Amino acid sequence: MSDASGQPAPSEHDAELRRRILRAATELFYGEGARAVGVEAVVRRAGVNKMSLYRQFASKDALLLHYLEHWERRFWGFIEAAVAQHPQDARARLRQIFIDITERARRPGYRGCPFVNIAAEFADPAHPTRQFVARHKAALRERLQTMASEAGARDPAALAAALALLMEGAYTASQTYGHESALLDALPPLAGQLIDTACNTEAPAP
């Protein structure tokens, strides 16, 4: 049997093996750093051998790309969950993203944005993981710009840029100040101020 791409569909055994390896890689890459963790540590955590890993993933870089795809699916699910809470209020949808980021950043074990972490670890912008991160962040800017337009921003691109920068700062602050820092409490109101100012259609006072 073949899948939609015409390639042989993986057996149930292979599919489970891939899940185990990817789960182990996700725990280790996110918790300890992608460069610091070798394939030996991944196979030990997954309970498989190197041959099994390389049958499923051609290289460590290939495994890293699957790791990023995993986080990208989770990230967009996170965004959709925030948006779904306010179907009739475009400004509230934007604010909710930052409320949820604050809640997420306060969880013990939170290690920041996995895309930012990868970008910090791989200096070469031509590396496949860096290119993946660049595409992801560009897609985020586009989504924020669309949401800013729906919220009535006078300059949706400018608001999207400001919110994207605020988001990146929040990821960093969660690591430098710690998940219990009161600084994180400033994130939702600051995002709200940016959104309200950008969407305020009242004429300025003479």
C-alpha atoms as a PDB file:
ATOM      1  CA  MET A   1       0.000   0.000   0.000  1.00  0.00           C
ATOM      2  CA  SER A   2       1.203   3.542  -0.805  1.00  0.00           C
ATOM      3  CA  ASP A   3       0.427   6.912   0.727  1.00  0.00           C
ATOM      4  CA  ALA A   4      -0.812  10.009  -1.131  1.00  0.00           C
ATOM      5  CA  SER A   5       2.714  10.837  -2.328  1.00  0.00           C
ATOM      6  CA  GLY A   6       3.083   7.442  -3.980  1.00  0.00           C
ATOM      7  CA  GLN A   7       5.632   6.298  -1.411  1.00  0.00           C
ATOM      8  CA  PRO A   8       5.117   3.027   0.451  1.00  0.00           C
ATOM      9  CA  ALA A   9       3.084   3.656   3.577  1.00  0.00           C
ATOM     10  CA  PRO A  10       5.080   2.972   6.754  1.00  0.00           C
ATOM     11  CA  SER A  11       4.214  -0.181   8.624  1.00  0.00           C
ATOM     12  CA  GLU A  12       2.603   0.122  12.035  1.00  0.00           C
ATOM     13  CA  HIS A  13       5.922  -0.942  13.549  1.00  0.00           C
ATOM     14  CA  ASP A  14       7.845   1.752  11.641  1.00  0.00           C
ATOM     15  CA  ALA A  15       5.276   4.403  12.533  1.00  0.00           C
ATOM     16  CA  GLU A  16       5.566   3.557  16.225  1.00  0.00           C
ATOM     17  CA  LEU A  17       9.358   3.560  15.965  1.00  0.00           C
ATOM     18  CA  ARG A  18       9.309   7.041  14.416  1.00  0.00           C
ATOM     19  CA  ARG A  19       7.020   8.296  17.174  1.00  0.00           C
ATOM     20  CA  ARG A  20       9.317   6.928  19.877  1.00  0.00           C
ATOM     21  CA  ILE A  21      12.416   8.447  18.304  1.00  0.00           C
ATOM     22  CA  LEU A  22      10.758  11.804  17.700  1.00  0.00           C
ATOM     23  CA  ARG A  23       9.339  11.882  21.236  1.00  0.00           C
ATOM     24  CA  ALA A  24      12.803  11.207  22.675  1.00  0.00           C
ATOM     25  CA  ALA A  25      14.421  13.776  20.382  1.00  0.00           C
ATOM     26  CA  THR A  26      11.817  16.391  21.304  1.00  0.00           C
ATOM     27  CA  GLU A  27      12.388  15.927  25.027  1.00  0.00           C
ATOM     28  CA  LEU A  28      16.166  16.103  24.661  1.00  0.00           C
ATOM     29  CA  PHE A  29      16.519  18.814  22.003  1.00  0.00           C
ATOM     30  CA  TYR A  30      14.092  21.107  23.795  1.00  0.00           C
ATOM     31  CA  GLY A  31      15.337  20.394  27.290  1.00  0.00           C
ATOM     32  CA  GLU A  32      19.091  20.262  26.696  1.00  0.00           C
ATOM     33  CA  GLY A  33      19.742  21.885  23.322  1.00  0.00           C
ATOM     34  CA  ALA A  34      19.912  20.479  19.814  1.00  0.00           C
ATOM     35  CA  ARG A  35      23.679  20.848  19.465  1.00  0.00           C
ATOM     36  CA  ALA A  36      24.429  19.428  22.897  1.00  0.00           C
ATOM     37  CA  VAL A  37      22.418  16.257  22.257  1.00  0.00           C
ATOM     38  CA  GLY A  38      23.858  13.626  19.946  1.00  0.00           C
ATOM     39  CA  VAL A  39      22.067  10.763  18.250  1.00  0.00           C
ATOM     40  CA  GLU A  40      23.525   8.415  20.872  1.00  0.00           C
ATOM     41  CA  ALA A  41      21.492  10.152  23.574  1.00  0.00           C
ATOM     42  CA  VAL A  42      18.366  10.048  21.408  1.00  0.00           C
ATOM     43  CA  VAL A  43      18.599   6.313  20.746  1.00  0.00           C
ATOM     44  CA  ARG A  44      19.232   5.631  24.439  1.00  0.00           C
ATOM     45  CA  ARG A  45      16.164   7.640  25.428  1.00  0.00           C
ATOM     46  CA  ALA A  46      14.058   6.011  22.702  1.00  0.00           C
ATOM     47  CA  GLY A  47      15.296   2.501  23.505  1.00  0.00           C
ATOM     48  CA  VAL A  48      16.394   1.783  19.929  1.00  0.00           C
ATOM     49  CA  ASN A  49      19.710   1.427  18.120  1.00  0.00           C
ATOM     50  CA  LYS A  50      21.386   3.802  15.672  1.00  0.00           C
ATOM     51  CA  MET A  51      20.485   1.671  12.681  1.00  0.00           C
ATOM     52  CA  SER A  52      16.802   1.954  13.581  1.00  0.00           C
ATOM     53  CA  LEU A  53      17.104   5.730  13.885  1.00  0.00           C
ATOM     54  CA  TYR A  54      18.839   6.125  10.535  1.00  0.00           C
ATOM     55  CA  ARG A  55      16.260   3.906   8.841  1.00  0.00           C
ATOM     56  CA  GLN A  56      13.626   6.427   9.893  1.00  0.00           C
ATOM     57  CA  PHE A  57      15.616   9.670   9.625  1.00  0.00           C
ATOM     58  CA  ALA A  58      18.449  10.036   7.123  1.00  0.00           C
ATOM     59  CA  SER A  59      20.535  12.283   9.382  1.00  0.00           C
ATOM     60  CA  LYS A  60      20.444  14.324  12.557  1.00  0.00           C
ATOM     61  CA  ASP A  61      19.493  17.356  10.448  1.00  0.00           C
ATOM     62  CA  ALA A  62      16.523  15.407   9.071  1.00  0.00           C
ATOM     63  CA  LEU A  63      15.500  14.530  12.628  1.00  0.00           C
ATOM     64  CA  LEU A  64      15.815  18.198  13.609  1.00  0.00           C
ATOM     65  CA  LEU A  65      13.501  19.222  10.777  1.00  0.00           C
ATOM     66  CA  HIS A  66      10.893  16.717  11.953  1.00  0.00           C
ATOM     67  CA  TYR A  67      11.358  18.097  15.463  1.00  0.00           C
ATOM     68  CA  LEU A  68      10.622  21.612  14.169  1.00  0.00           C
ATOM     69  CA  GLU A  69       7.610  20.371  12.206  1.00  0.00           C
ATOM     70  CA  HIS A  70       6.291  18.843  15.428  1.00  0.00           C
ATOM     71  CA  TRP A  71       6.633  22.180  17.245  1.00  0.00           C
ATOM     72  CA  GLU A  72       5.126  24.082  14.344  1.00  0.00           C
ATOM     73  CA  ARG A  73       1.978  21.948  14.464  1.00  0.00           C
ATOM     74  CA  ARG A  74       1.755  22.558  18.210  1.00  0.00           C
ATOM     75  CA  PHE A  75       2.324  26.287  17.795  1.00  0.00           C
ATOM     76  CA  TRP A  76      -0.425  26.791  15.229  1.00  0.00           C
ATOM     77  CA  GLY A  77      -2.743  24.693  17.366  1.00  0.00           C
ATOM     78  CA  PHE A  78      -1.929  27.036  20.258  1.00  0.00           C
ATOM     79  CA  ILE A  79      -2.758  30.084  18.113  1.00  0.00           C
ATOM     80  CA  GLU A  80      -6.017  28.568  16.859  1.00  0.00           C
ATOM     81  CA  ALA A  81      -7.086  27.720  20.415  1.00  0.00           C
ATOM     82  CA  ALA A  82      -6.534  31.348  21.457  1.00  0.00           C
ATOM     83  CA  VAL A  83      -8.397  32.716  18.435  1.00  0.00           C
ATOM     84  CA  ALA A  84     -11.348  30.374  18.951  1.00  0.00           C
ATOM     85  CA  GLN A  85     -12.085  31.907  22.360  1.00  0.00           C
ATOM     86  CA  HIS A  86     -13.246  35.201  20.804  1.00  0.00           C
ATOM     87  CA  PRO A  87     -15.051  34.506  17.525  1.00  0.00           C
ATOM     88  CA  GLN A  88     -16.758  37.921  17.500  1.00  0.00           C
ATOM     89  CA  ASP A  89     -13.962  40.181  18.801  1.00  0.00           C
ATOM     90  CA  ALA A  90     -10.876  40.626  16.624  1.00  0.00           C
ATOM     91  CA  ARG A  91      -8.961  42.715  19.169  1.00  0.00           C
ATOM     92  CA  ALA A  92      -9.650  40.189  21.906  1.00  0.00           C
ATOM     93  CA  ARG A  93      -8.271  37.434  19.678  1.00  0.00           C
ATOM     94  CA  LEU A  94      -4.935  39.233  19.483  1.00  0.00           C
ATOM     95  CA  ARG A  95      -4.899  39.941  23.225  1.00  0.00           C
ATOM     96  CA  GLN A  96      -5.691  36.309  24.039  1.00  0.00           C
ATOM     97  CA  ILE A  97      -2.533  35.126  22.305  1.00  0.00           C
ATOM     98  CA  PHE A  98      -0.439  37.123  24.772  1.00  0.00           C
ATOM     99  CA  ILE A  99      -2.516  36.063  27.766  1.00  0.00           C
ATOM    100  CA  ASP A 100      -1.903  32.454  26.758  1.00  0.00           C
ATOM    101  CA  ILE A 101       1.813  33.025  26.116  1.00  0.00           C
ATOM    102  CA  THR A 102       2.133  34.400  29.650  1.00  0.00           C
ATOM    103  CA  GLU A 103       0.363  31.371  31.107  1.00  0.00           C
ATOM    104  CA  ARG A 104       2.521  29.034  29.057  1.00  0.00           C
ATOM    105  CA  ALA A 105       5.762  30.801  30.019  1.00  0.00           C
ATOM    106  CA  ARG A 106       4.914  30.395  33.703  1.00  0.00           C
ATOM    107  CA  ARG A 107       4.900  26.615  33.553  1.00  0.00           C
ATOM    108  CA  PRO A 108       7.849  24.864  35.203  1.00  0.00           C
ATOM    109  CA  GLY A 109      10.062  23.319  32.564  1.00  0.00           C
ATOM    110  CA  TYR A 110       9.234  25.924  29.935  1.00  0.00           C
ATOM    111  CA  ARG A 111      12.388  26.484  27.883  1.00  0.00           C
ATOM    112  CA  GLY A 112      11.224  29.295  25.646  1.00  0.00           C
ATOM    113  CA  CYS A 113      10.454  29.213  21.950  1.00  0.00           C
ATOM    114  CA  PRO A 114      11.977  26.134  20.274  1.00  0.00           C
ATOM    115  CA  PHE A 115      12.411  28.115  17.044  1.00  0.00           C
ATOM    116  CA  VAL A 116      14.342  30.878  18.810  1.00  0.00           C
ATOM    117  CA  ASN A 117      16.442  28.237  20.551  1.00  0.00           C
ATOM    118  CA  ILE A 118      17.346  26.593  17.247  1.00  0.00           C
ATOM    119  CA  ALA A 119      18.186  29.952  15.647  1.00  0.00           C
ATOM    120  CA  ALA A 120      20.531  30.701  18.551  1.00  0.00           C
ATOM    121  CA  GLU A 121      22.269  27.337  18.233  1.00  0.00           C
ATOM    122  CA  PHE A 122      22.866  27.306  14.475  1.00  0.00           C
ATOM    123  CA  ALA A 123      24.811  30.340  13.279  1.00  0.00           C
ATOM    124  CA  ASP A 124      24.663  29.622   9.537  1.00  0.00           C
ATOM    125  CA  PRO A 125      21.504  31.205   8.052  1.00  0.00           C
ATOM    126  CA  ALA A 126      21.727  28.708   5.183  1.00  0.00           C
ATOM    127  CA  HIS A 127      21.392  25.724   7.532  1.00  0.00           C
ATOM    128  CA  PRO A 128      18.106  23.877   6.865  1.00  0.00           C
ATOM    129  CA  THR A 129      16.902  24.437  10.425  1.00  0.00           C
ATOM    130  CA  ARG A 130      17.544  28.183  10.204  1.00  0.00           C
ATOM    131  CA  GLN A 131      15.651  28.326   6.922  1.00  0.00           C
ATOM    132  CA  PHE A 132      12.754  26.483   8.553  1.00  0.00           C
ATOM    133  CA  VAL A 133      12.739  28.988  11.420  1.00  0.00           C
ATOM    134  CA  ALA A 134      12.803  31.928   8.990  1.00  0.00           C
ATOM    135  CA  ARG A 135       9.786  30.542   7.114  1.00  0.00           C
ATOM    136  CA  HIS A 136       7.930  29.921  10.362  1.00  0.00           C
ATOM    137  CA  LYS A 137       8.541  33.426  11.700  1.00  0.00           C
ATOM    138  CA  ALA A 138       7.534  34.956   8.352  1.00  0.00           C
ATOM    139  CA  ALA A 139       4.283  32.970   8.454  1.00  0.00           C
ATOM    140  CA  LEU A 140       3.673  34.213  11.998  1.00  0.00           C
ATOM    141  CA  ARG A 141       4.153  37.831  10.891  1.00  0.00           C
ATOM    142  CA  GLU A 142       1.680  37.272   8.058  1.00  0.00           C
ATOM    143  CA  ARG A 143      -0.878  35.768  10.429  1.00  0.00           C
ATOM    144  CA  LEU A 144      -0.488  38.615  12.912  1.00  0.00           C
ATOM    145  CA  GLN A 145      -0.858  41.133  10.093  1.00  0.00           C
ATOM    146  CA  THR A 146      -4.087  39.484   8.947  1.00  0.00           C
ATOM    147  CA  MET A 147      -5.402  39.529  12.504  1.00  0.00           C
ATOM    148  CA  ALA A 148      -4.335  43.172  12.922  1.00  0.00           C
ATOM    149  CA  SER A 149      -6.236  44.072   9.769  1.00  0.00           C
ATOM    150  CA  GLU A 150      -9.335  42.265  11.063  1.00  0.00           C
ATOM    151  CA  ALA A 151      -8.993  44.235  14.316  1.00  0.00           C
ATOM    152  CA  GLY A 152      -9.057  47.517  12.405  1.00  0.00           C
ATOM    153  CA  ALA A 153      -5.419  48.573  12.762  1.00  0.00           C
ATOM    154  CA  ARG A 154      -4.526  51.668  10.772  1.00  0.00           C
ATOM    155  CA  ASP A 155      -1.218  50.050   9.792  1.00  0.00           C
ATOM    156  CA  PRO A 156      -1.586  46.263  10.143  1.00  0.00           C
ATOM    157  CA  ALA A 157       2.022  45.577   9.110  1.00  0.00           C
ATOM    158  CA  ALA A 158       3.385  47.915  11.789  1.00  0.00           C
ATOM    159  CA  LEU A 159       1.202  46.386  14.506  1.00  0.00           C
ATOM    160  CA  ALA A 160       2.175  42.871  13.411  1.00  0.00           C
ATOM    161  CA  ALA A 161       5.861  43.814  13.601  1.00  0.00           C
ATOM    162  CA  ALA A 162       5.439  45.309  17.084  1.00  0.00           C
ATOM    163  CA  LEU A 163       3.539  42.279  18.373  1.00  0.00           C
ATOM    164  CA  ALA A 164       6.056  39.863  16.852  1.00  0.00           C
ATOM    165  CA  LEU A 165       8.885  41.746  18.558  1.00  0.00           C
ATOM    166  CA  LEU A 166       6.990  41.737  21.861  1.00  0.00           C
ATOM    167  CA  MET A 167       6.450  38.000  21.526  1.00  0.00           C
ATOM    168  CA  GLU A 168      10.158  37.361  20.935  1.00  0.00           C
ATOM    169  CA  GLY A 169      11.023  39.479  23.966  1.00  0.00           C
ATOM    170  CA  ALA A 170       8.608  37.509  26.121  1.00  0.00           C
ATOM    171  CA  TYR A 171      10.244  34.230  25.102  1.00  0.00           C
ATOM    172  CA  THR A 172      13.651  35.580  26.093  1.00  0.00           C
ATOM    173  CA  ALA A 173      12.448  37.143  29.357  1.00  0.00           C
ATOM    174  CA  SER A 174      10.914  33.839  30.427  1.00  0.00           C
ATOM    175  CA  GLN A 175      14.409  32.341  30.365  1.00  0.00           C
ATOM    176  CA  THR A 176      16.554  35.213  31.621  1.00  0.00           C
ATOM    177  CA  TYR A 177      14.225  36.196  34.483  1.00  0.00           C
ATOM    178  CA  GLY A 178      12.612  32.824  35.148  1.00  0.00           C
ATOM    179  CA  HIS A 179       9.068  31.531  34.901  1.00  0.00           C
ATOM    180  CA  GLU A 180       8.049  33.052  38.255  1.00  0.00           C
ATOM    181  CA  SER A 181       9.160  36.591  37.365  1.00  0.00           C
ATOM    182  CA  ALA A 182       6.598  39.367  37.812  1.00  0.00           C
ATOM    183  CA  LEU A 183       7.888  40.854  34.553  1.00  0.00           C
ATOM    184  CA  LEU A 184       5.780  38.341  32.655  1.00  0.00           C
ATOM    185  CA  ASP A 185       2.648  39.936  34.129  1.00  0.00           C
ATOM    186  CA  ALA A 186       3.378  43.025  32.024  1.00  0.00           C
ATOM    187  CA  LEU A 187       2.995  41.127  28.753  1.00  0.00           C
ATOM    188  CA  PRO A 188      -0.823  41.049  28.325  1.00  0.00           C
ATOM    189  CA  PRO A 189      -1.436  44.723  29.257  1.00  0.00           C
ATOM    190  CA  LEU A 190       1.473  45.872  27.097  1.00  0.00           C
ATOM    191  CA  ALA A 191       0.129  43.903  24.145  1.00  0.00           C
ATOM    192  CA  GLY A 192      -3.313  45.379  24.839  1.00  0.00           C
ATOM    193  CA  GLN A 193      -1.913  48.916  24.782  1.00  0.00           C
ATOM    194  CA  LEU A 194      -0.203  48.303  21.443  1.00  0.00           C
ATOM    195  CA  ILE A 195      -3.373  46.822  19.967  1.00  0.00           C
ATOM    196  CA  ASP A 196      -5.697  49.555  21.247  1.00  0.00           C
ATOM    197  CA  THR A 197      -3.369  52.358  20.161  1.00  0.00           C
ATOM    198  CA  ALA A 198      -2.932  50.870  16.689  1.00  0.00           C
ATOM    199  CA  CYS A 199      -6.672  50.329  16.288  1.00  0.00           C
ATOM    200  CA  ASN A 200      -7.842  53.645  17.746  1.00  0.00           C
ATOM    201  CA  THR A 201      -9.652  55.455  14.944  1.00  0.00           C
ATOM    202  CA  GLU A 202     -10.361  58.641  16.863  1.00  0.00           C
ATOM    203  CA  ALA A 203      -8.860  61.784  15.365  1.00  0.00           C
ATOM    204  CA  PRO A 204      -5.978  63.247  17.400  1.00  0.00           C
ATOM    205  CA  ALA A 205      -6.741  66.272  19.541  1.00  0.00           C
ATOM    206  CA  PRO A 206      -5.846  69.628  17.898  1.00  0.00           C
END
